[in-house]
């Protein structure tokens, strides 16, 4: 029997974690046919995101010929959705809703030294410190730029959350200090990133990651992306999602959480100079302890496809995961 599954990639945060779920499914049932639905993305981004998604598959050693990308509508396959909230939904007609956050801990292939050097060459990085401002909302832009504008011997890579045009006023204020990564770069202090879906790779070349979308009333971003590379992290305190990751990384000492009103009272220079070698070791232990979620999700999906409703058994499998044990202890 050939199993057919459609995974709904309806926002970038879910699309980035789908390769790990695919690995989990294929590790148990290699012949499962998997389609990924690019849902709710505006057409101008769909082609770029397809390319990024296939690059992510290749990075995780997944055969791209075994995964099909489709555009909406698609209602004829068993469908998996990944939620930014800790919701679990498994119904009798083979549709599933799983939390996306636990998948962010899955063991992954990171950029190797050669790939990191290539990225540094592209962004004209020599001996300066690199600060990545990740997924910055429009309303956070002034706060961030004021904090880093006068740092010496530093390159600032600005990754916007919204469309390029929404940031033009702030970009113009930087004058000739800023350039875009859409063409050949010449080595200016500020680089404005125009692409989508490769912020996780940019964290590999930074000394400090400042996580955007966390200083206002919002859900937060994924702090594990810089943590996998052992990078210092600053975050705001608006973190409705990724709570386990934020708490764990604060406990290891790799992440510093700062409220918006206190942001300018902290010295970024001090954080850049802080020795984080012990925090990096603790972070690796913490992340490794959460690995294995994708395989459990895959077991639940395949068990129901083959044998019908799984009910309490599935919830017991979920509750036994280290991720939920940690959450019960600290939240």
Foldseek 3Di string as FASTA:
>chain_A
DAAEEEEEPADLLQLLLVLLLVVLQCVVPVRHQYEYEHHNDPPVQPVLVVVLSVVSNVQQVHDCVRYHYDYDDDDPHQYEYEDLDQDWDADQVRHIYHHSLLSLLADGRADDPVRLVVVCVQQVHDPAAEEEEAQAELVCLVVVCVQCVPDPSYAYEYEHNDAPVSCVVVVVVNPPQEDESPDRDDHHRYYYYHGPDCVLNVLLNHQEYEWHPAQDQGQTDDPVSNLVNPHAYEGEHNHNGSVLVVVQLVVLVRYDYDHSVCSNVDRVVVSSPDDCPSSSVSSVVVSVLSHDPSNLVSCQSVCCVVPTDDPPVSVVSVCPGVSNVSVVVPD
